[in-house]
Amino acid sequence: MQRTFFKTAAILAMISVMLGAFGAHMLKGYITEQSLDSFQTATMYMMNHAIALFIVGNMYRHYKKKTMVWSGYLFIMGILIFSGSIYLRIVLTYLGFEKLYVVNLITPFGGLMFILGWLMFFISIPQRETHEKAPKSDD
C-alpha cells in the first residue's frame, strides 16, 4: 500500500508543479485575476495533499490500519474533486460556458474529503506509544 501511495504522491506532486508553472507563465492575460487566484489555490491544495499522501504512505509502515489507508484514499479523492473541479470551472469559463457553475457545487465535497482524510489520519495514530523491548546486550 505504501508504494502505491508513494507513487501516486510523486505523480500528483509532479502534476501540481507542472500546473503551477503553467498557471504562472501561460494563463496570465487569458483568465481573470480571480480565476488565477482560484487556480493557484487548487494547485497549492494539490501539492499540500500530495505531500500529505507521502506522509500517509510513510506512516503506514508503523500503523498498518484501515483508517490510515482511508486517509490516503480520501486525500486522493479530495485532490481529484477539489482541485479538479476548480480546474474544470476555469476551463469551462474560458470556453464561454459560465452558466455551468454546477461544477461549483462539487468543490466543497473535495474539501470534505480533505477534512475526512485528516480525521482518519488522526484516528490511525494510537493514543499511547507502544515500545518494543530492546534485546539485552552483554556489555
N, C-alpha and C. Protein backbone atom coordinates (compact mmCIF):
# COMPACT_ATOMS: atom_id res chain seq x y z
N MET A 1 0.81 -1.19 0.00
CA MET A 1 0.00 0.00 0.00
C MET A 1 0.86 1.26 0.00
N GLN A 2 1.95 1.21 0.78
CA GLN A 2 2.77 2.42 0.86
C GLN A 2 3.42 2.75 -0.48
N ARG A 3 3.80 1.75 -1.26
CA ARG A 3 4.38 2.03 -2.58
C ARG A 3 3.35 2.71 -3.48
N THR A 4 2.12 2.26 -3.40
CA THR A 4 1.05 2.88 -4.20
C THR A 4 0.88 4.34 -3.81
N PHE A 5 0.87 4.60 -2.51
CA PHE A 5 0.73 5.99 -2.05
C PHE A 5 1.95 6.81 -2.45
N PHE A 6 3.16 6.24 -2.33
CA PHE A 6 4.37 6.98 -2.71
C PHE A 6 4.34 7.33 -4.20
N LYS A 7 4.00 6.38 -5.03
CA LYS A 7 3.98 6.63 -6.47
C LYS A 7 2.89 7.63 -6.85
N THR A 8 1.72 7.47 -6.26
CA THR A 8 0.62 8.39 -6.53
C THR A 8 1.00 9.80 -6.07
N ALA A 9 1.60 9.90 -4.89
CA ALA A 9 2.03 11.20 -4.37
C ALA A 9 3.04 11.85 -5.30
N ALA A 10 3.99 11.07 -5.80
CA ALA A 10 5.00 11.63 -6.70
C ALA A 10 4.38 12.15 -7.99
N ILE A 11 3.45 11.39 -8.55
CA ILE A 11 2.79 11.82 -9.79
C ILE A 11 1.96 13.07 -9.54
N LEU A 12 1.19 13.09 -8.45
CA LEU A 12 0.36 14.26 -8.14
C LEU A 12 1.21 15.50 -7.87
N ALA A 13 2.33 15.33 -7.17
CA ALA A 13 3.22 16.46 -6.90
C ALA A 13 3.82 16.99 -8.21
N MET A 14 4.21 16.07 -9.10
CA MET A 14 4.76 16.47 -10.40
C MET A 14 3.71 17.26 -11.20
N ILE A 15 2.49 16.75 -11.25
CA ILE A 15 1.42 17.44 -11.98
C ILE A 15 1.15 18.80 -11.35
N SER A 16 1.21 18.87 -10.03
CA SER A 16 1.00 20.14 -9.35
C SER A 16 2.04 21.18 -9.75
N VAL A 17 3.29 20.75 -9.83
CA VAL A 17 4.36 21.66 -10.26
C VAL A 17 4.13 22.10 -11.70
N MET A 18 3.77 21.16 -12.55
CA MET A 18 3.52 21.49 -13.95
C MET A 18 2.37 22.47 -14.10
N LEU A 19 1.28 22.21 -13.38
CA LEU A 19 0.12 23.12 -13.44
C LEU A 19 0.45 24.48 -12.84
N GLY A 20 1.22 24.48 -11.76
CA GLY A 20 1.62 25.75 -11.15
C GLY A 20 2.44 26.59 -12.12
N ALA A 21 3.37 25.96 -12.81
CA ALA A 21 4.18 26.68 -13.79
C ALA A 21 3.33 27.15 -14.96
N PHE A 22 2.42 26.30 -15.41
CA PHE A 22 1.51 26.66 -16.49
C PHE A 22 0.67 27.87 -16.08
N GLY A 23 0.13 27.83 -14.88
CA GLY A 23 -0.70 28.94 -14.40
C GLY A 23 0.08 30.23 -14.27
N ALA A 24 1.30 30.14 -13.76
CA ALA A 24 2.10 31.35 -13.54
C ALA A 24 2.60 31.97 -14.84
N HIS A 25 2.89 31.13 -15.83
CA HIS A 25 3.52 31.65 -17.05
C HIS A 25 2.60 31.73 -18.26
N MET A 26 1.56 30.92 -18.30
CA MET A 26 0.75 30.86 -19.51
C MET A 26 -0.66 31.42 -19.36
N LEU A 27 -1.19 31.45 -18.16
CA LEU A 27 -2.59 31.85 -18.01
C LEU A 27 -2.80 33.35 -17.81
N LYS A 28 -1.75 34.06 -17.37
CA LYS A 28 -1.91 35.50 -17.16
C LYS A 28 -2.32 36.15 -18.47
N GLY A 29 -3.35 36.98 -18.38
CA GLY A 29 -3.85 37.65 -19.57
C GLY A 29 -4.96 36.88 -20.27
N TYR A 30 -5.10 35.60 -19.94
CA TYR A 30 -6.15 34.79 -20.57
C TYR A 30 -7.34 34.57 -19.65
N ILE A 31 -7.08 34.60 -18.34
CA ILE A 31 -8.17 34.43 -17.39
C ILE A 31 -8.13 35.58 -16.39
N THR A 32 -9.22 35.77 -15.66
CA THR A 32 -9.30 36.87 -14.71
C THR A 32 -8.36 36.62 -13.52
N GLU A 33 -8.08 37.69 -12.79
CA GLU A 33 -7.25 37.55 -11.58
C GLU A 33 -7.91 36.62 -10.57
N GLN A 34 -9.23 36.71 -10.47
CA GLN A 34 -9.95 35.83 -9.54
C GLN A 34 -9.79 34.38 -9.95
N SER A 35 -9.89 34.09 -11.24
CA SER A 35 -9.70 32.72 -11.72
C SER A 35 -8.27 32.26 -11.51
N LEU A 36 -7.33 33.17 -11.71
CA LEU A 36 -5.92 32.83 -11.49
C LEU A 36 -5.67 32.52 -10.02
N ASP A 37 -6.28 33.29 -9.12
CA ASP A 37 -6.17 33.01 -7.69
C ASP A 37 -6.76 31.64 -7.35
N SER A 38 -7.90 31.32 -7.94
CA SER A 38 -8.52 30.01 -7.73
C SER A 38 -7.62 28.89 -8.24
N PHE A 39 -7.02 29.13 -9.40
CA PHE A 39 -6.10 28.15 -9.99
C PHE A 39 -4.92 27.89 -9.05
N GLN A 40 -4.36 28.97 -8.51
CA GLN A 40 -3.24 28.84 -7.58
C GLN A 40 -3.65 28.12 -6.30
N THR A 41 -4.88 28.38 -5.82
CA THR A 41 -5.38 27.69 -4.64
C THR A 41 -5.50 26.20 -4.91
N ALA A 42 -6.05 25.85 -6.06
CA ALA A 42 -6.19 24.43 -6.43
C ALA A 42 -4.82 23.75 -6.50
N THR A 43 -3.86 24.45 -7.07
CA THR A 43 -2.51 23.89 -7.19
C THR A 43 -1.85 23.74 -5.83
N MET A 44 -2.04 24.71 -4.94
CA MET A 44 -1.46 24.64 -3.59
C MET A 44 -2.06 23.46 -2.82
N TYR A 45 -3.38 23.31 -2.86
CA TYR A 45 -4.02 22.20 -2.16
C TYR A 45 -3.58 20.86 -2.74
N MET A 46 -3.40 20.82 -4.04
CA MET A 46 -2.95 19.59 -4.69
C MET A 46 -1.56 19.21 -4.19
N MET A 47 -0.65 20.17 -4.15
CA MET A 47 0.71 19.88 -3.69
C MET A 47 0.72 19.52 -2.20
N ASN A 48 0.01 20.30 -1.40
CA ASN A 48 -0.02 20.02 0.05
C ASN A 48 -0.53 18.62 0.34
N HIS A 49 -1.55 18.19 -0.38
CA HIS A 49 -2.11 16.88 -0.10
C HIS A 49 -1.35 15.75 -0.80
N ALA A 50 -0.58 16.07 -1.83
CA ALA A 50 0.35 15.09 -2.38
C ALA A 50 1.43 14.80 -1.34
N ILE A 51 1.91 15.83 -0.68
CA ILE A 51 2.89 15.66 0.40
C ILE A 51 2.25 14.90 1.56
N ALA A 52 1.01 15.23 1.88
CA ALA A 52 0.30 14.51 2.95
C ALA A 52 0.17 13.03 2.59
N LEU A 53 -0.07 12.73 1.33
CA LEU A 53 -0.17 11.34 0.88
C LEU A 53 1.16 10.62 1.05
N PHE A 54 2.25 11.30 0.78
CA PHE A 54 3.57 10.72 1.02
C PHE A 54 3.75 10.41 2.51
N ILE A 55 3.30 11.32 3.36
CA ILE A 55 3.39 11.10 4.81
C ILE A 55 2.53 9.91 5.22
N VAL A 56 1.34 9.80 4.66
CA VAL A 56 0.47 8.66 4.96
C VAL A 56 1.16 7.36 4.58
N GLY A 57 1.77 7.33 3.41
CA GLY A 57 2.49 6.12 2.98
C GLY A 57 3.60 5.77 3.94
N ASN A 58 4.31 6.76 4.42
CA ASN A 58 5.40 6.53 5.37
C ASN A 58 4.85 6.07 6.73
N MET A 59 3.78 6.70 7.18
CA MET A 59 3.20 6.34 8.47
C MET A 59 2.55 4.96 8.44
N TYR A 60 2.13 4.52 7.27
CA TYR A 60 1.52 3.19 7.14
C TYR A 60 2.50 2.09 7.55
N ARG A 61 3.79 2.35 7.41
CA ARG A 61 4.80 1.38 7.87
C ARG A 61 4.64 1.08 9.35
N HIS A 62 4.31 2.11 10.12
CA HIS A 62 4.24 1.99 11.57
C HIS A 62 2.83 1.66 12.07
N TYR A 63 1.83 2.15 11.38
CA TYR A 63 0.45 1.98 11.81
C TYR A 63 -0.36 1.40 10.67
N LYS A 64 -0.30 0.11 10.52
CA LYS A 64 -0.99 -0.57 9.42
C LYS A 64 -2.47 -0.74 9.77
N LYS A 65 -3.20 0.35 9.63
CA LYS A 65 -4.62 0.34 9.96
C LYS A 65 -5.42 0.74 8.73
N LYS A 66 -6.65 0.24 8.68
CA LYS A 66 -7.53 0.60 7.57
C LYS A 66 -7.81 2.10 7.54
N THR A 67 -7.84 2.72 8.71
CA THR A 67 -8.09 4.16 8.74
C THR A 67 -6.95 4.94 8.10
N MET A 68 -5.72 4.41 8.17
CA MET A 68 -4.59 5.07 7.51
C MET A 68 -4.74 4.94 6.00
N VAL A 69 -5.18 3.78 5.54
CA VAL A 69 -5.43 3.59 4.11
C VAL A 69 -6.55 4.51 3.65
N TRP A 70 -7.61 4.61 4.44
CA TRP A 70 -8.70 5.51 4.10
C TRP A 70 -8.22 6.95 4.02
N SER A 71 -7.34 7.32 4.92
CA SER A 71 -6.78 8.66 4.90
C SER A 71 -6.14 8.95 3.54
N GLY A 72 -5.33 8.03 3.07
CA GLY A 72 -4.68 8.21 1.77
C GLY A 72 -5.68 8.30 0.63
N TYR A 73 -6.66 7.41 0.62
CA TYR A 73 -7.67 7.44 -0.43
C TYR A 73 -8.49 8.72 -0.39
N LEU A 74 -8.81 9.19 0.80
CA LEU A 74 -9.57 10.43 0.92
C LEU A 74 -8.76 11.62 0.43
N PHE A 75 -7.44 11.63 0.68
CA PHE A 75 -6.61 12.71 0.15
C PHE A 75 -6.62 12.69 -1.38
N ILE A 76 -6.52 11.50 -1.96
CA ILE A 76 -6.54 11.38 -3.42
C ILE A 76 -7.89 11.87 -3.97
N MET A 77 -8.97 11.41 -3.36
CA MET A 77 -10.30 11.85 -3.81
C MET A 77 -10.47 13.35 -3.63
N GLY A 78 -9.94 13.90 -2.54
CA GLY A 78 -10.02 15.33 -2.30
C GLY A 78 -9.31 16.12 -3.39
N ILE A 79 -8.13 15.65 -3.77
CA ILE A 79 -7.38 16.31 -4.84
C ILE A 79 -8.18 16.29 -6.14
N LEU A 80 -8.70 15.12 -6.48
CA LEU A 80 -9.44 14.99 -7.73
C LEU A 80 -10.70 15.85 -7.74
N ILE A 81 -11.42 15.84 -6.62
CA ILE A 81 -12.69 16.56 -6.58
C ILE A 81 -12.48 18.06 -6.35
N PHE A 82 -11.68 18.43 -5.35
CA PHE A 82 -11.48 19.84 -5.03
C PHE A 82 -10.70 20.55 -6.14
N SER A 83 -9.46 20.12 -6.34
CA SER A 83 -8.63 20.79 -7.34
C SER A 83 -9.18 20.57 -8.75
N GLY A 84 -9.60 19.35 -9.01
CA GLY A 84 -10.12 19.04 -10.34
C GLY A 84 -11.32 19.88 -10.72
N SER A 85 -12.24 20.10 -9.78
CA SER A 85 -13.43 20.90 -10.09
C SER A 85 -13.07 22.37 -10.31
N ILE A 86 -12.07 22.86 -9.60
CA ILE A 86 -11.63 24.25 -9.82
C ILE A 86 -11.00 24.39 -11.20
N TYR A 87 -10.13 23.44 -11.55
CA TYR A 87 -9.53 23.48 -12.89
C TYR A 87 -10.61 23.41 -13.97
N LEU A 88 -11.58 22.52 -13.76
CA LEU A 88 -12.66 22.35 -14.74
C LEU A 88 -13.47 23.63 -14.87
N ARG A 89 -13.79 24.26 -13.75
CA ARG A 89 -14.57 25.51 -13.78
C ARG A 89 -13.83 26.59 -14.57
N ILE A 90 -12.52 26.68 -14.37
CA ILE A 90 -11.73 27.70 -15.07
C ILE A 90 -11.72 27.43 -16.57
N VAL A 91 -11.56 26.18 -16.96
CA VAL A 91 -11.58 25.82 -18.38
C VAL A 91 -12.95 26.12 -18.98
N LEU A 92 -14.02 25.73 -18.29
CA LEU A 92 -15.36 25.98 -18.81
C LEU A 92 -15.64 27.48 -18.94
N THR A 93 -15.19 28.25 -17.96
CA THR A 93 -15.38 29.71 -18.02
C THR A 93 -14.61 30.29 -19.20
N TYR A 94 -13.38 29.85 -19.39
CA TYR A 94 -12.56 30.33 -20.51
C TYR A 94 -13.22 30.01 -21.85
N LEU A 95 -13.85 28.83 -21.91
CA LEU A 95 -14.50 28.42 -23.15
C LEU A 95 -15.87 29.07 -23.35
N GLY A 96 -16.30 29.86 -22.38
CA GLY A 96 -17.56 30.58 -22.52
C GLY A 96 -18.76 29.87 -21.92
N PHE A 97 -18.53 28.86 -21.12
CA PHE A 97 -19.63 28.13 -20.50
C PHE A 97 -19.80 28.54 -19.04
N GLU A 98 -19.91 29.86 -18.81
CA GLU A 98 -20.02 30.37 -17.44
C GLU A 98 -21.28 29.87 -16.75
N LYS A 99 -22.28 29.54 -17.51
CA LYS A 99 -23.56 29.12 -16.93
C LYS A 99 -23.47 27.74 -16.28
N LEU A 100 -22.42 27.02 -16.55
CA LEU A 100 -22.28 25.67 -16.00
C LEU A 100 -21.61 25.70 -14.63
N TYR A 101 -22.08 26.55 -13.77
CA TYR A 101 -21.48 26.65 -12.44
C TYR A 101 -21.95 25.55 -11.50
N VAL A 102 -22.60 24.53 -12.05
CA VAL A 102 -22.93 23.35 -11.27
C VAL A 102 -21.63 22.72 -10.75
N VAL A 103 -20.53 22.96 -11.45
CA VAL A 103 -19.22 22.47 -11.03
C VAL A 103 -18.87 23.03 -9.65
N ASN A 104 -19.32 24.26 -9.36
CA ASN A 104 -19.05 24.87 -8.06
C ASN A 104 -19.65 24.07 -6.92
N LEU A 105 -20.70 23.34 -7.20
CA LEU A 105 -21.35 22.54 -6.16
C LEU A 105 -20.51 21.33 -5.77
N ILE A 106 -19.60 20.93 -6.63
CA ILE A 106 -18.77 19.75 -6.39
C ILE A 106 -17.58 20.09 -5.49
N THR A 107 -17.02 21.27 -5.64
CA THR A 107 -15.79 21.66 -4.94
C THR A 107 -15.84 21.44 -3.43
N PRO A 108 -16.90 21.82 -2.73
CA PRO A 108 -16.92 21.60 -1.28
C PRO A 108 -16.80 20.13 -0.87
N PHE A 109 -17.26 19.22 -1.73
CA PHE A 109 -17.12 17.80 -1.41
C PHE A 109 -15.66 17.37 -1.41
N GLY A 110 -14.87 18.00 -2.26
CA GLY A 110 -13.43 17.75 -2.23
C GLY A 110 -12.81 18.23 -0.92
N GLY A 111 -13.24 19.41 -0.47
CA GLY A 111 -12.78 19.92 0.82
C GLY A 111 -13.17 18.99 1.95
N LEU A 112 -14.39 18.44 1.86
CA LEU A 112 -14.84 17.47 2.86
C LEU A 112 -13.96 16.22 2.86
N MET A 113 -13.54 15.78 1.67
CA MET A 113 -12.65 14.63 1.57
C MET A 113 -11.32 14.91 2.28
N PHE A 114 -10.80 16.13 2.11
CA PHE A 114 -9.57 16.50 2.81
C PHE A 114 -9.77 16.44 4.33
N ILE A 115 -10.86 17.00 4.80
CA ILE A 115 -11.14 17.02 6.24
C ILE A 115 -11.27 15.60 6.78
N LEU A 116 -12.01 14.75 6.07
CA LEU A 116 -12.17 13.37 6.50
C LEU A 116 -10.85 12.61 6.43
N GLY A 117 -10.03 12.93 5.44
CA GLY A 117 -8.70 12.31 5.34
C GLY A 117 -7.85 12.62 6.56
N TRP A 118 -7.88 13.89 6.98
CA TRP A 118 -7.11 14.27 8.17
C TRP A 118 -7.69 13.63 9.42
N LEU A 119 -9.02 13.48 9.49
CA LEU A 119 -9.64 12.81 10.62
C LEU A 119 -9.21 11.35 10.68
N MET A 120 -9.23 10.67 9.54
CA MET A 120 -8.79 9.26 9.50
C MET A 120 -7.32 9.14 9.89
N PHE A 121 -6.52 10.09 9.46
CA PHE A 121 -5.10 10.10 9.83
C PHE A 121 -4.97 10.21 11.35
N PHE A 122 -5.71 11.12 11.95
CA PHE A 122 -5.70 11.31 13.40
C PHE A 122 -6.12 10.04 14.12
N ILE A 123 -7.20 9.42 13.65
CA ILE A 123 -7.71 8.20 14.28
C ILE A 123 -6.71 7.05 14.16
N SER A 124 -5.92 7.04 13.11
CA SER A 124 -4.96 5.95 12.86
C SER A 124 -3.82 5.90 13.87
N ILE A 125 -3.51 7.00 14.47
CA ILE A 125 -2.36 7.06 15.37
C ILE A 125 -2.83 6.68 16.77
N PRO A 126 -2.20 5.65 17.36
CA PRO A 126 -2.65 5.21 18.69
C PRO A 126 -2.46 6.28 19.75
N GLN A 127 -3.28 6.18 20.79
CA GLN A 127 -3.20 7.16 21.87
C GLN A 127 -1.92 7.04 22.67
N ARG A 128 -1.42 5.83 22.78
CA ARG A 128 -0.19 5.60 23.55
C ARG A 128 0.86 4.99 22.64
N GLU A 129 2.10 5.34 22.93
CA GLU A 129 3.21 4.75 22.21
C GLU A 129 3.39 3.31 22.67
N THR A 130 3.63 2.44 21.73
CA THR A 130 3.97 1.06 22.08
C THR A 130 5.42 0.86 21.72
N HIS A 131 6.20 0.53 22.72
CA HIS A 131 7.63 0.34 22.50
C HIS A 131 7.96 -1.15 22.58
N GLU A 132 8.72 -1.57 21.60
CA GLU A 132 9.19 -2.95 21.67
C GLU A 132 10.39 -2.98 22.61
N LYS A 133 10.47 -4.06 23.34
CA LYS A 133 11.61 -4.20 24.26
C LYS A 133 12.85 -4.51 23.45
N ALA A 134 13.88 -3.74 23.74
CA ALA A 134 15.16 -3.93 23.05
C ALA A 134 15.83 -5.17 23.63
N PRO A 135 16.52 -5.94 22.78
CA PRO A 135 17.23 -7.11 23.31
C PRO A 135 18.34 -6.68 24.25
N LYS A 136 18.55 -7.48 25.27
CA LYS A 136 19.60 -7.18 26.24
C LYS A 136 20.97 -7.44 25.61
N SER A 137 21.89 -6.53 25.91
CA SER A 137 23.25 -6.72 25.38
C SER A 137 24.13 -7.31 26.49
N ASP A 138 25.24 -7.86 26.12
CA ASP A 138 26.15 -8.49 27.05
C ASP A 138 27.21 -7.53 27.56
N ASP A 139 27.02 -6.23 27.40
CA ASP A 139 28.04 -5.25 27.81
C ASP A 139 28.25 -5.24 29.26
